[in-house]
Amino acid sequence: MTHILIRHKVADFSRVKPVYDAHLTERKKAGLSEKALLRSIDNQNDVVLLFGSRGPQRRHKPLPSHPICEGHAKAGVVGKPDIVFLS
């Protein structure tokens, strides 16, 4: 299983979280399973997500252009996320 670590900075976590939650079905269809959703102790708008992904082929798909990511950007994700693929 490939793991994907994503770090987002958001304008307001309370505004982004409902949009994130609403995309559960899309994440599952994309082969992603949430392992952890964490927030920095120093800045609650600094968000780290850890996903499991079925198969190594997923690592080549450009996540920032995925419709899920586009919805999060509209909800208040600031800038480009840092994305690391782990095995």
PDB file of N, CA and C in Angstrom:
ATOM      1  N   MET A   1       0.849  -1.181   0.000  1.00  0.00           N
ATOM      2  CA  MET A   1       0.000   0.000   0.000  1.00  0.00           C
ATOM      3  C   MET A   1       0.891   1.240   0.000  1.00  0.00           C
ATOM      4  N   THR A   2       0.530   2.189  -0.818  1.00  0.00           N
ATOM      5  CA  THR A   2       1.187   3.488  -0.836  1.00  0.00           C
ATOM      6  C   THR A   2       0.469   4.386   0.169  1.00  0.00           C
ATOM      7  N   HIS A   3       1.229   5.203   0.856  1.00  0.00           N
ATOM      8  CA  HIS A   3       0.650   6.200   1.754  1.00  0.00           C
ATOM      9  C   HIS A   3       0.917   7.582   1.175  1.00  0.00           C
ATOM     10  N   ILE A   4      -0.016   8.470   1.399  1.00  0.00           N
ATOM     11  CA  ILE A   4       0.111   9.840   0.909  1.00  0.00           C
ATOM     12  C   ILE A   4      -0.026  10.775   2.100  1.00  0.00           C
ATOM     13  N   LEU A   5       0.988  11.602   2.310  1.00  0.00           N
ATOM     14  CA  LEU A   5       0.983  12.590   3.384  1.00  0.00           C
ATOM     15  C   LEU A   5       0.757  13.958   2.743  1.00  0.00           C
ATOM     16  N   ILE A   6      -0.288  14.651   3.177  1.00  0.00           N
ATOM     17  CA  ILE A   6      -0.635  15.954   2.607  1.00  0.00           C
ATOM     18  C   ILE A   6      -0.683  16.979   3.726  1.00  0.00           C
ATOM     19  N   ARG A   7      -0.004  18.096   3.523  1.00  0.00           N
ATOM     20  CA  ARG A   7      -0.039  19.186   4.498  1.00  0.00           C
ATOM     21  C   ARG A   7      -0.670  20.398   3.826  1.00  0.00           C
ATOM     22  N   HIS A   8      -1.762  20.861   4.431  1.00  0.00           N
ATOM     23  CA  HIS A   8      -2.505  22.025   3.930  1.00  0.00           C
ATOM     24  C   HIS A   8      -2.436  23.150   4.948  1.00  0.00           C
ATOM     25  N   LYS A   9      -2.370  24.346   4.460  1.00  0.00           N
ATOM     26  CA  LYS A   9      -2.631  25.506   5.308  1.00  0.00           C
ATOM     27  C   LYS A   9      -4.006  26.003   4.885  1.00  0.00           C
ATOM     28  N   VAL A  10      -4.867  26.256   5.854  1.00  0.00           N
ATOM     29  CA  VAL A  10      -6.227  26.695   5.549  1.00  0.00           C
ATOM     30  C   VAL A  10      -6.506  28.023   6.243  1.00  0.00           C
ATOM     31  N   ALA A  11      -7.423  28.780   5.677  1.00  0.00           N
ATOM     32  CA  ALA A  11      -7.793  30.070   6.265  1.00  0.00           C
ATOM     33  C   ALA A  11      -8.602  29.869   7.543  1.00  0.00           C
ATOM     34  N   ASP A  12      -9.496  28.870   7.526  1.00  0.00           N
ATOM     35  CA  ASP A  12     -10.368  28.618   8.678  1.00  0.00           C
ATOM     36  C   ASP A  12     -10.782  27.148   8.663  1.00  0.00           C
ATOM     37  N   PHE A  13     -10.183  26.349   9.545  1.00  0.00           N
ATOM     38  CA  PHE A  13     -10.437  24.908   9.570  1.00  0.00           C
ATOM     39  C   PHE A  13     -11.927  24.599   9.712  1.00  0.00           C
ATOM     40  N   SER A  14     -12.633  25.377  10.519  1.00  0.00           N
ATOM     41  CA  SER A  14     -14.059  25.107  10.739  1.00  0.00           C
ATOM     42  C   SER A  14     -14.874  25.272   9.454  1.00  0.00           C
ATOM     43  N   ARG A  15     -14.358  26.006   8.498  1.00  0.00           N
ATOM     44  CA  ARG A  15     -15.032  26.181   7.214  1.00  0.00           C
ATOM     45  C   ARG A  15     -14.642  25.072   6.214  1.00  0.00           C
ATOM     46  N   VAL A  16     -13.410  24.607   6.312  1.00  0.00           N
ATOM     47  CA  VAL A  16     -12.912  23.587   5.391  1.00  0.00           C
ATOM     48  C   VAL A  16     -13.391  22.179   5.777  1.00  0.00           C
ATOM     49  N   LYS A  17     -13.486  21.901   7.059  1.00  0.00           N
ATOM     50  CA  LYS A  17     -13.802  20.545   7.539  1.00  0.00           C
ATOM     51  C   LYS A  17     -15.123  20.000   6.979  1.00  0.00           C
ATOM     52  N   PRO A  18     -16.226  20.763   6.971  1.00  0.00           N
ATOM     53  CA  PRO A  18     -17.469  20.225   6.402  1.00  0.00           C
ATOM     54  C   PRO A  18     -17.346  19.887   4.911  1.00  0.00           C
ATOM     55  N   VAL A  19     -16.576  20.666   4.173  1.00  0.00           N
ATOM     56  CA  VAL A  19     -16.360  20.387   2.750  1.00  0.00           C
ATOM     57  C   VAL A  19     -15.548  19.106   2.606  1.00  0.00           C
ATOM     58  N   TYR A  20     -14.507  18.967   3.421  1.00  0.00           N
ATOM     59  CA  TYR A  20     -13.698  17.749   3.440  1.00  0.00           C
ATOM     60  C   TYR A  20     -14.579  16.528   3.743  1.00  0.00           C
ATOM     61  N   ASP A  21     -15.386  16.627   4.781  1.00  0.00           N
ATOM     62  CA  ASP A  21     -16.256  15.514   5.170  1.00  0.00           C
ATOM     63  C   ASP A  21     -17.229  15.138   4.056  1.00  0.00           C
ATOM     64  N   ALA A  22     -17.700  16.120   3.312  1.00  0.00           N
ATOM     65  CA  ALA A  22     -18.670  15.874   2.241  1.00  0.00           C
ATOM     66  C   ALA A  22     -18.071  15.105   1.068  1.00  0.00           C
ATOM     67  N   HIS A  23     -16.746  15.039   0.991  1.00  0.00           N
ATOM     68  CA  HIS A  23     -16.083  14.360  -0.119  1.00  0.00           C
ATOM     69  C   HIS A  23     -15.649  12.927   0.212  1.00  0.00           C
ATOM     70  N   LEU A  24     -16.189  12.342   1.260  1.00  0.00           N
ATOM     71  CA  LEU A  24     -15.801  10.988   1.652  1.00  0.00           C
ATOM     72  C   LEU A  24     -16.005   9.984   0.511  1.00  0.00           C
ATOM     73  N   THR A  25     -17.143  10.040  -0.139  1.00  0.00           N
ATOM     74  CA  THR A  25     -17.436   9.103  -1.230  1.00  0.00           C
ATOM     75  C   THR A  25     -16.426   9.261  -2.364  1.00  0.00           C
ATOM     76  N   GLU A  26     -16.084  10.501  -2.707  1.00  0.00           N
ATOM     77  CA  GLU A  26     -15.114  10.742  -3.779  1.00  0.00           C
ATOM     78  C   GLU A  26     -13.733  10.228  -3.402  1.00  0.00           C
ATOM     79  N   ARG A  27     -13.341  10.395  -2.131  1.00  0.00           N
ATOM     80  CA  ARG A  27     -12.043   9.867  -1.690  1.00  0.00           C
ATOM     81  C   ARG A  27     -12.015   8.354  -1.811  1.00  0.00           C
ATOM     82  N   LYS A  28     -13.112   7.710  -1.420  1.00  0.00           N
ATOM     83  CA  LYS A  28     -13.182   6.250  -1.521  1.00  0.00           C
ATOM     84  C   LYS A  28     -13.110   5.799  -2.978  1.00  0.00           C
ATOM     85  N   LYS A  29     -13.818   6.494  -3.871  1.00  0.00           N
ATOM     86  CA  LYS A  29     -13.776   6.165  -5.296  1.00  0.00           C
ATOM     87  C   LYS A  29     -12.373   6.339  -5.861  1.00  0.00           C
ATOM     88  N   ALA A  30     -11.631   7.297  -5.327  1.00  0.00           N
ATOM     89  CA  ALA A  30     -10.259   7.543  -5.776  1.00  0.00           C
ATOM     90  C   ALA A  30      -9.277   6.543  -5.170  1.00  0.00           C
ATOM     91  N   GLY A  31      -9.777   5.656  -4.315  1.00  0.00           N
ATOM     92  CA  GLY A  31      -8.930   4.642  -3.713  1.00  0.00           C
ATOM     93  C   GLY A  31      -8.183   5.114  -2.479  1.00  0.00           C
ATOM     94  N   LEU A  32      -8.641   6.204  -1.872  1.00  0.00           N
ATOM     95  CA  LEU A  32      -7.985   6.751  -0.690  1.00  0.00           C
ATOM     96  C   LEU A  32      -8.726   6.362   0.577  1.00  0.00           C
ATOM     97  N   SER A  33      -7.977   5.953   1.586  1.00  0.00           N
ATOM     98  CA  SER A  33      -8.575   5.692   2.898  1.00  0.00           C
ATOM     99  C   SER A  33      -7.846   6.561   3.921  1.00  0.00           C
ATOM    100  N   GLU A  34      -8.604   7.328   4.677  1.00  0.00           N
ATOM    101  CA  GLU A  34      -8.002   8.232   5.660  1.00  0.00           C
ATOM    102  C   GLU A  34      -7.423   7.439   6.815  1.00  0.00           C
ATOM    103  N   LYS A  35      -6.170   7.700   7.119  1.00  0.00           N
ATOM    104  CA  LYS A  35      -5.496   7.094   8.264  1.00  0.00           C
ATOM    105  C   LYS A  35      -5.432   8.086   9.425  1.00  0.00           C
ATOM    106  N   ALA A  36      -5.270   9.377   9.109  1.00  0.00           N
ATOM    107  CA  ALA A  36      -5.200  10.396  10.161  1.00  0.00           C
ATOM    108  C   ALA A  36      -5.486  11.770   9.581  1.00  0.00           C
ATOM    109  N   LEU A  37      -6.155  12.592  10.362  1.00  0.00           N
ATOM    110  CA  LEU A  37      -6.352  14.016  10.084  1.00  0.00           C
ATOM    111  C   LEU A  37      -5.880  14.721  11.350  1.00  0.00           C
ATOM    112  N   LEU A  38      -4.800  15.485  11.220  1.00  0.00           N
ATOM    113  CA  LEU A  38      -4.167  16.120  12.371  1.00  0.00           C
ATOM    114  C   LEU A  38      -4.044  17.622  12.145  1.00  0.00           C
ATOM    115  N   ARG A  39      -3.986  18.365  13.239  1.00  0.00           N
ATOM    116  CA  ARG A  39      -3.799  19.817  13.177  1.00  0.00           C
ATOM    117  C   ARG A  39      -2.645  20.198  14.090  1.00  0.00           C
ATOM    118  N   SER A  40      -1.885  21.173  13.658  1.00  0.00           N
ATOM    119  CA  SER A  40      -0.756  21.633  14.449  1.00  0.00           C
ATOM    120  C   SER A  40      -1.232  22.193  15.789  1.00  0.00           C
ATOM    121  N   ILE A  41      -0.492  21.904  16.836  1.00  0.00           N
ATOM    122  CA  ILE A  41      -0.807  22.451  18.155  1.00  0.00           C
ATOM    123  C   ILE A  41      -0.624  23.965  18.157  1.00  0.00           C
ATOM    124  N   ASP A  42       0.364  24.449  17.409  1.00  0.00           N
ATOM    125  CA  ASP A  42       0.657  25.881  17.378  1.00  0.00           C
ATOM    126  C   ASP A  42      -0.261  26.682  16.462  1.00  0.00           C
ATOM    127  N   ASN A  43      -0.803  26.024  15.434  1.00  0.00           N
ATOM    128  CA  ASN A  43      -1.671  26.710  14.480  1.00  0.00           C
ATOM    129  C   ASN A  43      -2.730  25.717  14.000  1.00  0.00           C
ATOM    130  N   GLN A  44      -3.927  25.819  14.526  1.00  0.00           N
ATOM    131  CA  GLN A  44      -5.003  24.874  14.209  1.00  0.00           C
ATOM    132  C   GLN A  44      -5.436  24.920  12.742  1.00  0.00           C
ATOM    133  N   ASN A  45      -4.947  25.889  11.981  1.00  0.00           N
ATOM    134  CA  ASN A  45      -5.248  25.980  10.550  1.00  0.00           C
ATOM    135  C   ASN A  45      -4.144  25.373   9.692  1.00  0.00           C
ATOM    136  N   ASP A  46      -3.208  24.692  10.319  1.00  0.00           N
ATOM    137  CA  ASP A  46      -2.164  23.932   9.633  1.00  0.00           C
ATOM    138  C   ASP A  46      -2.572  22.464   9.760  1.00  0.00           C
ATOM    139  N   VAL A  47      -2.994  21.861   8.645  1.00  0.00           N
ATOM    140  CA  VAL A  47      -3.629  20.539   8.652  1.00  0.00           C
ATOM    141  C   VAL A  47      -2.740  19.514   7.952  1.00  0.00           C
ATOM    142  N   VAL A  48      -2.620  18.335   8.558  1.00  0.00           N
ATOM    143  CA  VAL A  48      -1.870  17.228   7.974  1.00  0.00           C
ATOM    144  C   VAL A  48      -2.820  16.036   7.832  1.00  0.00           C
ATOM    145  N   LEU A  49      -2.836  15.465   6.633  1.00  0.00           N
ATOM    146  CA  LEU A  49      -3.666  14.293   6.342  1.00  0.00           C
ATOM    147  C   LEU A  49      -2.764  13.144   5.935  1.00  0.00           C
ATOM    148  N   LEU A  50      -3.092  11.950   6.407  1.00  0.00           N
ATOM    149  CA  LEU A  50      -2.391  10.748   5.981  1.00  0.00           C
ATOM    150  C   LEU A  50      -3.424   9.795   5.399  1.00  0.00           C
ATOM    151  N   PHE A  51      -3.192   9.392   4.143  1.00  0.00           N
ATOM    152  CA  PHE A  51      -4.088   8.471   3.459  1.00  0.00           C
ATOM    153  C   PHE A  51      -3.342   7.217   3.067  1.00  0.00           C
ATOM    154  N   GLY A  52      -4.071   6.113   2.998  1.00  0.00           N
ATOM    155  CA  GLY A  52      -3.596   4.911   2.354  1.00  0.00           C
ATOM    156  C   GLY A  52      -4.182   4.915   0.955  1.00  0.00           C
ATOM    157  N   SER A  53      -3.435   4.353   0.002  1.00  0.00           N
ATOM    158  CA  SER A  53      -3.905   4.321  -1.380  1.00  0.00           C
ATOM    159  C   SER A  53      -3.709   2.932  -1.946  1.00  0.00           C
ATOM    160  N   ARG A  54      -4.729   2.428  -2.617  1.00  0.00           N
ATOM    161  CA  ARG A  54      -4.638   1.113  -3.244  1.00  0.00           C
ATOM    162  C   ARG A  54      -3.708   1.183  -4.444  1.00  0.00           C
ATOM    163  N   GLY A  55      -2.667   0.410  -4.408  1.00  0.00           N
ATOM    164  CA  GLY A  55      -1.787   0.257  -5.559  1.00  0.00           C
ATOM    165  C   GLY A  55      -0.834   1.409  -5.788  1.00  0.00           C
ATOM    166  N   PRO A  56       0.369   1.105  -6.246  1.00  0.00           N
ATOM    167  CA  PRO A  56       1.380   2.129  -6.486  1.00  0.00           C
ATOM    168  C   PRO A  56       1.054   3.062  -7.645  1.00  0.00           C
ATOM    169  N   GLN A  57       0.142   2.659  -8.544  1.00  0.00           N
ATOM    170  CA  GLN A  57      -0.200   3.515  -9.681  1.00  0.00           C
ATOM    171  C   GLN A  57      -0.820   4.839  -9.239  1.00  0.00           C
ATOM    172  N   ARG A  58      -1.390   4.911  -8.062  1.00  0.00           N
ATOM    173  CA  ARG A  58      -2.034   6.137  -7.587  1.00  0.00           C
ATOM    174  C   ARG A  58      -1.036   7.269  -7.395  1.00  0.00           C
ATOM    175  N   ARG A  59       0.215   6.959  -7.152  1.00  0.00           N
ATOM    176  CA  ARG A  59       1.191   8.003  -6.851  1.00  0.00           C
ATOM    177  C   ARG A  59       1.464   8.912  -8.039  1.00  0.00           C
ATOM    178  N   HIS A  60       1.117   8.460  -9.240  1.00  0.00           N
ATOM    179  CA  HIS A  60       1.400   9.260 -10.428  1.00  0.00           C
ATOM    180  C   HIS A  60       0.261  10.202 -10.807  1.00  0.00           C
ATOM    181  N   LYS A  61      -0.884  10.061 -10.179  1.00  0.00           N
ATOM    182  CA  LYS A  61      -2.019  10.929 -10.484  1.00  0.00           C
ATOM    183  C   LYS A  61      -1.809  12.287  -9.822  1.00  0.00           C
ATOM    184  N   PRO A  62      -1.920  13.375 -10.557  1.00  0.00           N
ATOM    185  CA  PRO A  62      -1.690  14.701  -9.969  1.00  0.00           C
ATOM    186  C   PRO A  62      -2.838  15.115  -9.047  1.00  0.00           C
ATOM    187  N   LEU A  63      -2.672  14.913  -7.768  1.00  0.00           N
ATOM    188  CA  LEU A  63      -3.744  15.170  -6.806  1.00  0.00           C
ATOM    189  C   LEU A  63      -4.243  16.616  -6.775  1.00  0.00           C
ATOM    190  N   PRO A  64      -3.389  17.635  -6.855  1.00  0.00           N
ATOM    191  CA  PRO A  64      -3.917  18.999  -6.722  1.00  0.00           C
ATOM    192  C   PRO A  64      -4.961  19.382  -7.764  1.00  0.00           C
ATOM    193  N   SER A  65      -4.997  18.685  -8.906  1.00  0.00           N
ATOM    194  CA  SER A  65      -5.997  19.015  -9.924  1.00  0.00           C
ATOM    195  C   SER A  65      -7.261  18.166  -9.783  1.00  0.00           C
ATOM    196  N   HIS A  66      -7.294  17.269  -8.802  1.00  0.00           N
ATOM    197  CA  HIS A  66      -8.449  16.405  -8.592  1.00  0.00           C
ATOM    198  C   HIS A  66      -9.635  17.252  -8.112  1.00  0.00           C
ATOM    199  N   PRO A  67     -10.869  16.939  -8.522  1.00  0.00           N
ATOM    200  CA  PRO A  67     -12.042  17.704  -8.087  1.00  0.00           C
ATOM    201  C   PRO A  67     -12.167  17.841  -6.565  1.00  0.00           C
ATOM    202  N   ILE A  68     -11.718  16.839  -5.820  1.00  0.00           N
ATOM    203  CA  ILE A  68     -11.764  16.940  -4.355  1.00  0.00           C
ATOM    204  C   ILE A  68     -10.917  18.124  -3.904  1.00  0.00           C
ATOM    205  N   CYS A  69      -9.710  18.230  -4.450  1.00  0.00           N
ATOM    206  CA  CYS A  69      -8.809  19.318  -4.070  1.00  0.00           C
ATOM    207  C   CYS A  69      -9.348  20.666  -4.520  1.00  0.00           C
ATOM    208  N   GLU A  70      -9.995  20.694  -5.679  1.00  0.00           N
ATOM    209  CA  GLU A  70     -10.579  21.944  -6.158  1.00  0.00           C
ATOM    210  C   GLU A  70     -11.667  22.433  -5.198  1.00  0.00           C
ATOM    211  N   GLY A  71     -12.477  21.534  -4.670  1.00  0.00           N
ATOM    212  CA  GLY A  71     -13.515  21.904  -3.710  1.00  0.00           C
ATOM    213  C   GLY A  71     -12.927  22.442  -2.426  1.00  0.00           C
ATOM    214  N   HIS A  72     -11.845  21.840  -1.981  1.00  0.00           N
ATOM    215  CA  HIS A  72     -11.189  22.313  -0.761  1.00  0.00           C
ATOM    216  C   HIS A  72     -10.611  23.698  -0.964  1.00  0.00           C
ATOM    217  N   ALA A  73     -10.069  23.977  -2.137  1.00  0.00           N
ATOM    218  CA  ALA A  73      -9.524  25.301  -2.416  1.00  0.00           C
ATOM    219  C   ALA A  73     -10.620  26.357  -2.313  1.00  0.00           C
ATOM    220  N   LYS A  74     -11.794  26.053  -2.815  1.00  0.00           N
ATOM    221  CA  LYS A  74     -12.915  26.996  -2.727  1.00  0.00           C
ATOM    222  C   LYS A  74     -13.353  27.216  -1.287  1.00  0.00           C
ATOM    223  N   ALA A  75     -13.124  26.215  -0.424  1.00  0.00           N
ATOM    224  CA  ALA A  75     -13.534  26.320   0.983  1.00  0.00           C
ATOM    225  C   ALA A  75     -12.519  27.068   1.842  1.00  0.00           C
ATOM    226  N   GLY A  76     -11.311  27.299   1.322  1.00  0.00           N
ATOM    227  CA  GLY A  76     -10.350  28.078   2.099  1.00  0.00           C
ATOM    228  C   GLY A  76      -8.976  27.471   2.274  1.00  0.00           C
ATOM    229  N   VAL A  77      -8.620  26.453   1.485  1.00  0.00           N
ATOM    230  CA  VAL A  77      -7.251  25.951   1.529  1.00  0.00           C
ATOM    231  C   VAL A  77      -6.364  27.030   0.926  1.00  0.00           C
ATOM    232  N   VAL A  78      -5.282  27.352   1.634  1.00  0.00           N
ATOM    233  CA  VAL A  78      -4.393  28.442   1.220  1.00  0.00           C
ATOM    234  C   VAL A  78      -3.174  27.867   0.507  1.00  0.00           C
ATOM    235  N   GLY A  79      -2.935  28.325  -0.696  1.00  0.00           N
ATOM    236  CA  GLY A  79      -1.744  27.893  -1.442  1.00  0.00           C
ATOM    237  C   GLY A  79      -1.811  26.444  -1.866  1.00  0.00           C
ATOM    238  N   LYS A  80      -0.670  25.954  -2.335  1.00  0.00           N
ATOM    239  CA  LYS A  80      -0.548  24.584  -2.801  1.00  0.00           C
ATOM    240  C   LYS A  80      -0.202  23.671  -1.632  1.00  0.00           C
ATOM    241  N   PRO A  81      -0.806  22.496  -1.546  1.00  0.00           N
ATOM    242  CA  PRO A  81      -0.459  21.578  -0.459  1.00  0.00           C
ATOM    243  C   PRO A  81       0.909  20.943  -0.709  1.00  0.00           C
ATOM    244  N   ASP A  82       1.572  20.563   0.373  1.00  0.00           N
ATOM    245  CA  ASP A  82       2.781  19.733   0.280  1.00  0.00           C
ATOM    246  C   ASP A  82       2.306  18.297   0.253  1.00  0.00           C
ATOM    247  N   ILE A  83       2.761  17.515  -0.730  1.00  0.00           N
ATOM    248  CA  ILE A  83       2.324  16.131  -0.889  1.00  0.00           C
ATOM    249  C   ILE A  83       3.551  15.240  -0.960  1.00  0.00           C
ATOM    250  N   VAL A  84       3.556  14.207  -0.106  1.00  0.00           N
ATOM    251  CA  VAL A  84       4.654  13.237  -0.085  1.00  0.00           C
ATOM    252  C   VAL A  84       4.068  11.841  -0.216  1.00  0.00           C
ATOM    253  N   PHE A  85       4.614  11.038  -1.135  1.00  0.00           N
ATOM    254  CA  PHE A  85       4.192   9.651  -1.317  1.00  0.00           C
ATOM    255  C   PHE A  85       5.159   8.756  -0.561  1.00  0.00           C
ATOM    256  N   LEU A  86       4.628   7.830   0.229  1.00  0.00           N
ATOM    257  CA  LEU A  86       5.428   6.963   1.086  1.00  0.00           C
ATOM    258  C   LEU A  86       5.085   5.507   0.813  1.00  0.00           C
ATOM    259  N   SER A  87       6.080   4.629   0.954  1.00  0.00           N
ATOM    260  CA  SER A  87       5.803   3.198   0.817  1.00  0.00           C
ATOM    261  C   SER A  87       6.434   2.440   1.963  1.00  0.00           C
TER     262      SER A  87
END
